[in-house]
Amino acid sequence: MQQIYSFLIVCYGLSIRVASVFNKKASLWIKGRKQYWAILEKTFASAPFNHPGRKLAWFHCASLGEFEQGRPIIEAFKLQHPGYLILLTFYSPSGYEVRRAYNGADLVLYLPLDTPSNVRRFVETVRPDIVFYVKYEFWFNFLSYLQVKKIPTILVSAVFRPDQHFFKGYGEWPRKVLKGFTRIFVQNEDSLELLQFIGIENAEVCGDTRFDRVAAIAAKPLIVEIAVAFSESHRILVAGSTWSADEELIFNLIGHNTHKLRFIIAPHEINSAHIESLMLRAGKKAVRFSKTTPEQVKAAEILIIDSVGLLSQLYQYGTLAYIGGGFGVGIHNILEASAFGLPVFFGPNYHKFNEARELVKLGGAFEVSNSGELLQKTDALLSDKQKLSQAVEISMDYVRTGCGATEIILQRVKELIGSGI
């Protein structure tokens, strides 16, 4: 089975090379790995990585979302274990390109393709003392080799579902690799029960570290001067990580804006063509974030965000939030908005996200299937101060009570390190 998997990984790597000719993301994936081994080996042959007795913790995240989930653990681990160097790797350009200069790590790299030769070369060069995988990165050759080398490997904030291959009749080999984790920290009881069903006992429920991250952002938000000027004396709907289907609903709401809302739209794709299409559709009411000033933005009704890394800070200026993705494969992060007390709206494809299901039940989030429902449900909140206030409190309280996963994980890790594992 491992040979078949390795062959498929090689084929996957070749397909990315072909796609890189016409796909920007694939091109970045290839470009980011040019001269990879020369850079890696030179780095680890020099200080501080070549010091005798040095300790290194390796954190791996698939992309930007997983990084935000792992970030509280990285930073808390560094505080508790200052003698460790921190290596952070990403698989996707959308994570690496945004966080390549992250100062919480001593080194930020791409992860090489998961072939047996790459795995051996990487692990023998890096020589990690402990490894953290965030949420659902299961590169089986890496995991198998870490097990062979007896390097403690921790999976954090994991979520498991019955449709994953671990729980299928053909999943014997993936299950074997999964059992090799030193410890698995899952977000919920359903995930724990699935693992126990296949005989994995080295797991426990700790919650979701994203709560700790969004709570930290809300506690010390950064000031975005343009957003301050834009939102002054106005109620704002922040539309975050939107796709085309979401933007149809948002522009319909703009066209029926009886409550005189202003709109911040932060699309998932910020390429020039998409930003220009949004500006054209919005007309003279809109300004681009990168091309306006605090004085100019005061006259606008729509602020189009054409920069990455701002969204989590922009929710502090909102009254309501709309989170994109619900008309595609699934919604994006709703907790960033909830941490600031924003009632959240999203499309119908949210059921695999525990926080969305729970907030809908509590009354802090609202499903909308079409433009009419968004118009109706936003109107219901904006027309009733008490109802709006209740939704705000529900959202904030939900995040507050969800915090604490980072502390649980770090305590267990401290015990592992202390035991000499």
Protein backbone atom coordinates (compact mmCIF):
# COMPACT_ATOMS: atom_id res chain seq x y z
CA MET A 1 0.00 0.00 0.00
CA GLN A 2 2.82 2.42 0.85
CA GLN A 3 4.42 1.83 -2.57
CA ILE A 4 1.15 2.67 -4.32
CA TYR A 5 0.74 5.78 -2.20
CA SER A 6 4.31 6.92 -2.99
CA PHE A 7 3.72 6.39 -6.72
CA LEU A 8 0.55 8.49 -6.55
CA ILE A 9 2.45 11.24 -4.73
CA VAL A 10 5.03 11.35 -7.55
CA CYS A 11 2.20 11.58 -10.10
CA TYR A 12 0.66 14.36 -8.05
CA GLY A 13 3.94 16.28 -8.10
CA LEU A 14 4.14 15.94 -11.88
CA SER A 15 0.57 17.17 -12.26
CA ILE A 16 1.41 20.32 -10.26
CA ARG A 17 4.34 20.99 -12.59
CA VAL A 18 2.03 20.77 -15.59
CA ALA A 19 -0.58 22.98 -13.89
CA SER A 20 2.08 25.57 -12.99
CA VAL A 21 2.18 26.65 -16.64
CA PHE A 22 -1.29 28.21 -16.38
CA ASN A 23 -2.17 28.22 -12.66
CA LYS A 24 -0.67 30.91 -10.42
CA LYS A 25 -1.01 28.93 -7.19
CA ALA A 26 0.66 25.86 -8.72
CA SER A 27 3.39 28.13 -10.10
CA LEU A 28 4.08 29.50 -6.62
CA TRP A 29 4.14 25.92 -5.26
CA ILE A 30 6.91 25.04 -7.76
CA LYS A 31 8.79 28.32 -7.46
CA GLY A 32 8.86 28.11 -3.67
CA ARG A 33 10.63 24.76 -3.82
CA LYS A 34 13.39 25.75 -6.27
CA GLN A 35 16.87 25.16 -4.83
CA TYR A 36 15.02 23.84 -1.79
CA TRP A 37 17.61 21.31 -0.64
CA ALA A 38 20.59 23.60 -1.07
CA ILE A 39 18.89 26.27 1.06
CA LEU A 40 17.72 23.78 3.68
CA GLU A 41 21.08 22.05 4.10
CA LYS A 42 23.03 25.31 4.17
CA THR A 43 20.68 26.69 6.84
CA PHE A 44 20.97 23.65 9.08
CA ALA A 45 24.75 23.56 8.69
CA SER A 46 25.03 27.01 10.27
CA ALA A 47 24.10 28.68 13.57
CA PRO A 48 21.83 28.41 15.44
CA PHE A 49 20.60 25.17 13.86
CA ASN A 50 23.93 23.29 14.01
CA HIS A 51 24.70 23.86 17.69
CA PRO A 52 25.37 20.65 19.64
CA GLY A 53 22.48 19.81 21.92
CA ARG A 54 20.07 22.26 20.31
CA LYS A 55 16.35 21.42 20.52
CA LEU A 56 13.89 21.97 17.69
CA ALA A 57 10.10 21.85 17.55
CA TRP A 58 8.65 21.45 14.06
CA PHE A 59 5.12 22.73 13.42
CA HIS A 60 3.40 21.88 10.14
CA CYS A 61 0.28 23.57 8.75
CA ALA A 62 -1.41 22.92 5.43
CA SER A 63 -2.30 26.54 4.76
CA LEU A 64 -3.19 29.87 6.33
CA GLY A 65 -6.32 28.66 8.13
CA GLU A 66 -4.44 25.84 9.84
CA PHE A 67 -1.67 28.27 10.78
CA GLU A 68 -4.16 30.50 12.59
CA GLN A 69 -5.36 27.37 14.37
CA GLY A 70 -1.83 26.37 15.33
CA ARG A 71 -0.52 29.82 16.11
CA PRO A 72 -1.63 29.90 19.78
CA ILE A 73 0.22 26.63 20.36
CA ILE A 74 3.38 27.83 18.60
CA GLU A 75 3.52 31.02 20.64
CA ALA A 76 2.62 29.38 23.95
CA PHE A 77 5.15 26.59 23.34
CA LYS A 78 7.87 29.16 22.65
CA LEU A 79 7.11 30.95 25.91
CA GLN A 80 7.13 27.73 27.93
CA HIS A 81 10.15 26.22 26.18
CA PRO A 82 12.42 29.11 25.15
CA GLY A 83 15.33 26.75 24.58
CA TYR A 84 13.64 25.24 21.51
CA LEU A 85 14.09 26.56 17.99
CA ILE A 86 10.84 26.72 16.04
CA LEU A 87 10.53 25.44 12.48
CA LEU A 88 7.26 26.20 10.70
CA THR A 89 6.35 24.51 7.40
CA PHE A 90 3.48 25.03 5.00
CA TYR A 91 2.21 22.89 2.19
CA SER A 92 0.21 25.56 0.35
CA PRO A 93 1.40 28.88 -1.09
CA SER A 94 -1.63 30.60 0.46
CA GLY A 95 -0.06 29.93 3.85
CA TYR A 96 3.63 30.30 3.07
CA GLU A 97 3.41 33.46 0.99
CA VAL A 98 1.44 35.29 3.70
CA ARG A 99 3.39 34.04 6.75
CA ARG A 100 6.91 33.52 5.41
CA ALA A 101 8.11 36.41 7.61
CA TYR A 102 6.28 35.23 10.75
CA ASN A 103 8.54 36.20 13.65
CA GLY A 104 7.20 33.53 15.99
CA ALA A 105 9.30 30.96 14.13
CA ASP A 106 13.06 30.76 13.67
CA LEU A 107 12.57 29.41 10.15
CA VAL A 108 9.58 29.19 7.78
CA LEU A 109 9.71 26.74 4.85
CA TYR A 110 7.60 24.83 2.39
CA LEU A 111 7.13 21.14 3.06
CA PRO A 112 8.74 19.01 0.33
CA LEU A 113 6.71 16.47 -1.62
CA ASP A 114 5.94 13.40 0.50
CA THR A 115 8.19 10.88 -1.28
CA PRO A 116 10.34 8.43 0.73
CA SER A 117 13.63 10.02 -0.43
CA ASN A 118 12.43 13.55 0.33
CA VAL A 119 11.18 12.48 3.75
CA ARG A 120 14.47 10.87 4.77
CA ARG A 121 16.51 13.80 3.55
CA PHE A 122 14.31 16.38 5.27
CA VAL A 123 14.05 14.64 8.64
CA GLU A 124 17.75 13.73 8.77
CA THR A 125 18.68 17.33 7.94
CA VAL A 126 16.23 19.03 10.29
CA ARG A 127 16.48 16.50 13.16
CA PRO A 128 13.33 17.62 15.02
CA ASP A 129 12.90 16.73 18.68
CA ILE A 130 9.11 17.04 18.61
CA VAL A 131 6.61 17.51 15.75
CA PHE A 132 3.17 19.11 15.69
CA TYR A 133 0.70 18.58 12.86
CA VAL A 134 -2.33 20.89 12.81
CA LYS A 135 -5.85 19.58 12.19
CA TYR A 136 -5.71 17.18 9.25
CA GLU A 137 -2.35 17.01 7.52
CA PHE A 138 -1.71 13.28 7.00
CA TRP A 139 1.35 12.88 4.79
CA PHE A 140 1.85 9.18 5.36
CA ASN A 141 5.51 8.82 4.37
CA PHE A 142 6.46 11.62 6.73
CA LEU A 143 4.39 10.17 9.55
CA SER A 144 5.74 6.66 9.00
CA TYR A 145 9.36 7.84 9.04
CA LEU A 146 8.84 9.95 12.17
CA GLN A 147 7.49 6.83 13.84
CA VAL A 148 10.50 4.78 12.75
CA LYS A 149 12.81 7.46 14.19
CA LYS A 150 10.74 7.51 17.40
CA ILE A 151 10.25 11.27 17.22
CA PRO A 152 7.24 12.40 19.28
CA THR A 153 4.51 13.54 16.88
CA ILE A 154 1.43 15.41 18.08
CA LEU A 155 -1.78 16.03 16.13
CA VAL A 156 -3.68 19.06 17.41
CA SER A 157 -7.22 20.42 16.87
CA ALA A 158 -8.10 17.36 14.79
CA VAL A 159 -11.58 16.63 13.49
CA PHE A 160 -12.58 13.21 12.16
CA ARG A 161 -15.64 12.24 10.13
CA PRO A 162 -17.08 8.80 9.30
CA ASP A 163 -16.51 9.30 5.56
CA GLN A 164 -12.71 9.52 5.95
CA HIS A 165 -10.64 6.57 4.72
CA PHE A 166 -9.44 5.73 8.23
CA PHE A 167 -12.89 4.35 8.95
CA LYS A 168 -13.41 2.41 5.73
CA GLY A 169 -12.78 -1.26 5.06
CA TYR A 170 -9.74 -0.41 2.91
CA GLY A 171 -8.22 1.88 5.56
CA GLU A 172 -5.96 -0.59 7.38
CA TRP A 173 -2.69 1.06 6.37
CA PRO A 174 -3.83 4.66 7.07
CA ARG A 175 -5.14 3.46 10.45
CA LYS A 176 -1.76 1.97 11.26
CA VAL A 177 -0.04 5.27 10.51
CA LEU A 178 -2.63 7.19 12.53
CA LYS A 179 -1.98 4.96 15.52
CA GLY A 180 1.65 6.06 15.44
CA PHE A 181 0.91 9.57 16.67
CA THR A 182 2.25 10.03 20.16
CA ARG A 183 -0.88 11.98 21.07
CA ILE A 184 -3.96 13.15 19.21
CA PHE A 185 -5.95 16.12 20.49
CA VAL A 186 -9.41 16.27 18.92
CA GLN A 187 -11.99 19.04 18.93
CA ASN A 188 -15.08 17.07 19.88
CA GLU A 189 -16.50 13.86 21.33
CA ASP A 190 -17.65 12.57 17.92
CA SER A 191 -14.04 12.53 16.70
CA LEU A 192 -12.89 10.78 19.86
CA GLU A 193 -15.54 8.09 19.49
CA LEU A 194 -14.51 7.44 15.88
CA LEU A 195 -10.89 6.98 16.92
CA GLN A 196 -11.83 4.68 19.77
CA PHE A 197 -13.95 2.62 17.36
CA ILE A 198 -10.82 1.76 15.34
CA GLY A 199 -8.75 1.06 18.44
CA ILE A 200 -6.91 4.35 18.91
CA GLU A 201 -6.66 5.16 22.60
CA ASN A 202 -3.93 7.84 22.57
CA ALA A 203 -6.47 10.62 21.98
CA GLU A 204 -8.42 13.11 24.06
CA VAL A 205 -10.85 15.98 23.59
CA CYS A 206 -9.31 19.40 24.16
CA GLY A 207 -11.47 21.72 22.04
CA ASP A 208 -10.52 24.01 19.20
CA THR A 209 -7.44 26.25 19.45
CA ARG A 210 -9.06 28.71 17.03
CA PHE A 211 -11.13 30.01 19.96
CA ASP A 212 -7.93 30.98 21.76
CA ARG A 213 -6.60 32.68 18.64
CA VAL A 214 -9.69 34.74 17.83
CA ALA A 215 -10.14 35.71 21.47
CA ALA A 216 -6.55 37.00 21.54
CA ILE A 217 -7.19 39.06 18.38
CA ALA A 218 -10.39 40.54 19.82
CA ALA A 219 -8.67 41.36 23.11
CA LYS A 220 -5.93 43.40 21.39
CA PRO A 221 -7.17 44.43 17.94
CA LEU A 222 -5.02 46.46 15.60
CA ILE A 223 -6.31 49.82 14.44
CA VAL A 224 -7.12 50.02 10.73
CA GLU A 225 -7.38 53.76 10.13
CA ILE A 226 -9.28 53.57 6.86
CA ALA A 227 -11.87 51.28 8.45
CA VAL A 228 -12.16 53.63 11.43
CA ALA A 229 -12.99 56.54 9.13
CA PHE A 230 -15.34 54.45 7.00
CA SER A 231 -17.34 53.10 9.92
CA GLU A 232 -17.65 56.28 11.97
CA SER A 233 -21.32 56.79 12.97
CA HIS A 234 -22.44 54.03 10.61
CA ARG A 235 -23.61 50.45 10.96
CA ILE A 236 -21.42 48.09 8.93
CA LEU A 237 -21.89 44.67 7.38
CA VAL A 238 -18.53 42.95 6.92
CA ALA A 239 -18.62 40.34 4.15
CA GLY A 240 -15.58 38.12 4.60
CA SER A 241 -14.00 35.53 2.28
CA THR A 242 -16.78 35.87 -0.27
CA TRP A 243 -17.13 34.01 -3.54
CA SER A 244 -19.22 35.02 -6.55
CA ALA A 245 -22.38 33.28 -5.27
CA ASP A 246 -22.06 35.11 -1.94
CA GLU A 247 -21.50 38.44 -3.67
CA GLU A 248 -24.78 38.05 -5.53
CA LEU A 249 -26.57 38.09 -2.17
CA ILE A 250 -24.50 40.98 -0.87
CA PHE A 251 -25.18 43.19 -3.88
CA ASN A 252 -28.88 42.42 -3.68
CA LEU A 253 -28.79 43.57 -0.06
CA ILE A 254 -26.93 46.71 -1.13
CA GLY A 255 -29.73 47.37 -3.62
CA HIS A 256 -32.37 47.11 -0.86
CA ASN A 257 -30.45 48.97 1.82
CA THR A 258 -33.32 50.33 3.90
CA HIS A 259 -31.20 50.43 7.06
CA LYS A 260 -28.47 52.57 5.45
CA LEU A 261 -25.77 50.02 6.14
CA ARG A 262 -22.27 50.47 4.85
CA PHE A 263 -20.46 47.42 3.47
CA ILE A 264 -16.91 46.11 3.77
CA ILE A 265 -16.38 43.35 1.19
CA ALA A 266 -13.26 41.20 1.56
CA PRO A 267 -13.40 38.63 -1.27
CA HIS A 268 -11.62 35.29 -1.05
CA GLU A 269 -9.94 35.93 -4.39
CA ILE A 270 -8.19 39.30 -4.64
CA ASN A 271 -6.77 39.04 -8.15
CA SER A 272 -7.04 42.24 -10.18
CA ALA A 273 -9.79 40.96 -12.47
CA HIS A 274 -12.09 40.06 -9.59
CA ILE A 275 -11.46 43.27 -7.68
CA GLU A 276 -12.14 45.31 -10.83
CA SER A 277 -15.40 43.41 -11.43
CA LEU A 278 -16.55 44.20 -7.89
CA MET A 279 -15.64 47.86 -8.30
CA LEU A 280 -17.48 48.03 -11.61
CA ARG A 281 -20.58 46.46 -10.09
CA ALA A 282 -20.52 48.71 -7.02
CA GLY A 283 -20.07 51.85 -9.10
CA LYS A 284 -19.34 55.25 -7.59
CA LYS A 285 -20.39 54.07 -4.14
CA ALA A 286 -17.20 52.00 -3.73
CA VAL A 287 -13.50 52.56 -3.05
CA ARG A 288 -10.57 50.15 -3.00
CA PHE A 289 -8.77 49.79 0.30
CA SER A 290 -5.31 50.17 -1.27
CA LYS A 291 -6.29 53.28 -3.24
CA THR A 292 -8.12 55.41 -0.71
CA THR A 293 -7.36 57.54 2.32
CA PRO A 294 -9.15 58.05 5.65
CA GLU A 295 -10.53 61.34 4.31
CA GLN A 296 -11.70 59.97 0.97
CA VAL A 297 -13.30 56.83 2.41
CA LYS A 298 -15.76 58.84 4.51
CA ALA A 299 -17.85 59.56 1.43
CA ALA A 300 -17.99 55.91 0.28
CA GLU A 301 -20.69 53.35 1.04
CA ILE A 302 -18.75 50.24 0.01
CA LEU A 303 -15.14 49.45 0.90
CA ILE A 304 -13.54 46.71 -1.23
CA ILE A 305 -10.58 45.00 0.46
CA ASP A 306 -7.83 44.15 -2.02
CA SER A 307 -5.14 43.13 0.50
CA VAL A 308 -4.58 39.92 2.47
CA GLY A 309 -4.21 39.59 6.24
CA LEU A 310 -6.72 42.29 7.23
CA LEU A 311 -10.00 40.45 7.57
CA SER A 312 -9.68 39.28 11.18
CA GLN A 313 -9.09 42.90 12.24
CA LEU A 314 -11.90 44.37 10.15
CA TYR A 315 -14.66 42.57 12.05
CA GLN A 316 -14.16 44.94 15.00
CA TYR A 317 -15.82 47.65 12.90
CA GLY A 318 -18.86 45.56 12.01
CA THR A 319 -22.45 45.35 13.17
CA LEU A 320 -23.19 42.18 11.21
CA ALA A 321 -21.02 39.70 9.32
CA TYR A 322 -21.58 37.59 6.26
CA ILE A 323 -19.09 34.72 5.82
CA GLY A 324 -18.51 33.30 2.36
CA GLY A 325 -18.21 29.74 1.10
CA GLY A 326 -21.64 28.50 2.08
CA PHE A 327 -22.71 28.07 -1.53
CA GLY A 328 -19.57 26.06 -2.31
CA VAL A 329 -17.68 23.35 -0.44
CA GLY A 330 -18.16 24.99 2.95
CA ILE A 331 -18.00 28.23 4.92
CA HIS A 332 -14.84 30.00 5.96
CA ASN A 333 -13.90 30.96 9.52
CA ILE A 334 -16.88 32.41 11.41
CA LEU A 335 -15.16 32.62 14.81
CA GLU A 336 -13.14 35.73 13.91
CA ALA A 337 -16.41 37.64 13.53
CA SER A 338 -18.10 36.01 16.51
CA ALA A 339 -15.21 37.00 18.79
CA PHE A 340 -16.15 40.64 18.18
CA GLY A 341 -19.80 39.90 18.90
CA LEU A 342 -21.06 40.02 15.34
CA PRO A 343 -24.16 38.00 14.42
CA VAL A 344 -23.07 35.89 11.46
CA PHE A 345 -24.85 34.98 8.21
CA PHE A 346 -23.76 32.29 5.72
CA GLY A 347 -25.01 29.98 2.98
CA PRO A 348 -26.48 26.49 3.43
CA ASN A 349 -23.29 24.40 3.21
CA TYR A 350 -22.16 24.76 6.81
CA HIS A 351 -23.18 21.50 8.49
CA LYS A 352 -19.71 19.97 8.73
CA PHE A 353 -18.58 22.91 10.87
CA ASN A 354 -19.41 22.33 14.51
CA GLU A 355 -19.19 25.99 15.54
CA ALA A 356 -21.62 27.01 12.80
CA ARG A 357 -24.17 24.36 13.76
CA GLU A 358 -23.96 25.31 17.43
CA LEU A 359 -24.23 29.06 16.84
CA VAL A 360 -27.26 28.58 14.59
CA LYS A 361 -28.97 26.64 17.40
CA LEU A 362 -28.04 29.29 19.95
CA GLY A 363 -29.16 32.23 17.84
CA GLY A 364 -25.83 33.86 17.11
CA ALA A 365 -25.63 32.71 13.47
CA PHE A 366 -28.16 32.47 10.65
CA GLU A 367 -28.38 30.32 7.53
CA VAL A 368 -29.54 32.02 4.33
CA SER A 369 -30.36 30.13 1.16
CA ASN A 370 -31.05 33.07 -1.12
CA SER A 371 -31.07 36.85 -1.40
CA GLY A 372 -34.56 37.14 0.03
CA GLU A 373 -33.63 35.30 3.21
CA LEU A 374 -30.56 37.47 3.76
CA LEU A 375 -32.68 40.59 3.31
CA GLN A 376 -35.37 39.28 5.68
CA LYS A 377 -33.04 38.05 8.42
CA THR A 378 -30.78 41.10 8.48
CA ASP A 379 -33.87 43.31 8.59
CA ALA A 380 -35.23 41.32 11.55
CA LEU A 381 -32.08 41.99 13.57
CA LEU A 382 -31.55 45.61 12.57
CA SER A 383 -35.19 46.47 13.30
CA ASP A 384 -35.11 45.03 16.83
CA LYS A 385 -32.42 46.39 19.16
CA GLN A 386 -33.10 43.76 21.82
CA LYS A 387 -32.87 40.89 19.35
CA LEU A 388 -29.63 42.30 17.93
CA SER A 389 -28.19 42.75 21.41
CA GLN A 390 -29.03 39.14 22.30
CA ALA A 391 -27.34 37.82 19.17
CA VAL A 392 -24.25 39.90 19.94
CA GLU A 393 -24.02 38.51 23.48
CA ILE A 394 -24.57 34.94 22.27
CA SER A 395 -21.69 35.24 19.79
CA MET A 396 -19.25 36.72 22.29
CA ASP A 397 -20.19 34.26 25.02
CA TYR A 398 -19.80 31.32 22.64
CA VAL A 399 -16.20 32.27 21.93
CA ARG A 400 -15.42 32.98 25.58
CA THR A 401 -16.64 29.57 26.74
CA GLY A 402 -14.79 27.81 23.90
CA CYS A 403 -11.33 29.00 24.96
CA GLY A 404 -8.79 26.83 26.76
CA ALA A 405 -7.63 24.19 24.25
CA THR A 406 -4.12 25.63 24.00
CA GLU A 407 -3.59 25.38 27.75
CA ILE A 408 -4.71 21.73 27.82
CA ILE A 409 -2.45 20.77 24.91
CA LEU A 410 0.61 22.54 26.28
CA GLN A 411 0.17 20.93 29.69
CA ARG A 412 0.11 17.47 28.10
CA VAL A 413 3.11 18.31 25.92
CA LYS A 414 5.00 19.54 28.97
CA GLU A 415 4.33 16.19 30.61
CA LEU A 416 5.60 14.36 27.49
CA ILE A 417 8.78 16.43 27.37
CA GLY A 418 9.29 16.03 31.10
CA SER A 419 8.93 12.26 30.83
CA GLY A 420 11.72 12.15 28.27
CA ILE A 421 9.56 10.97 25.37
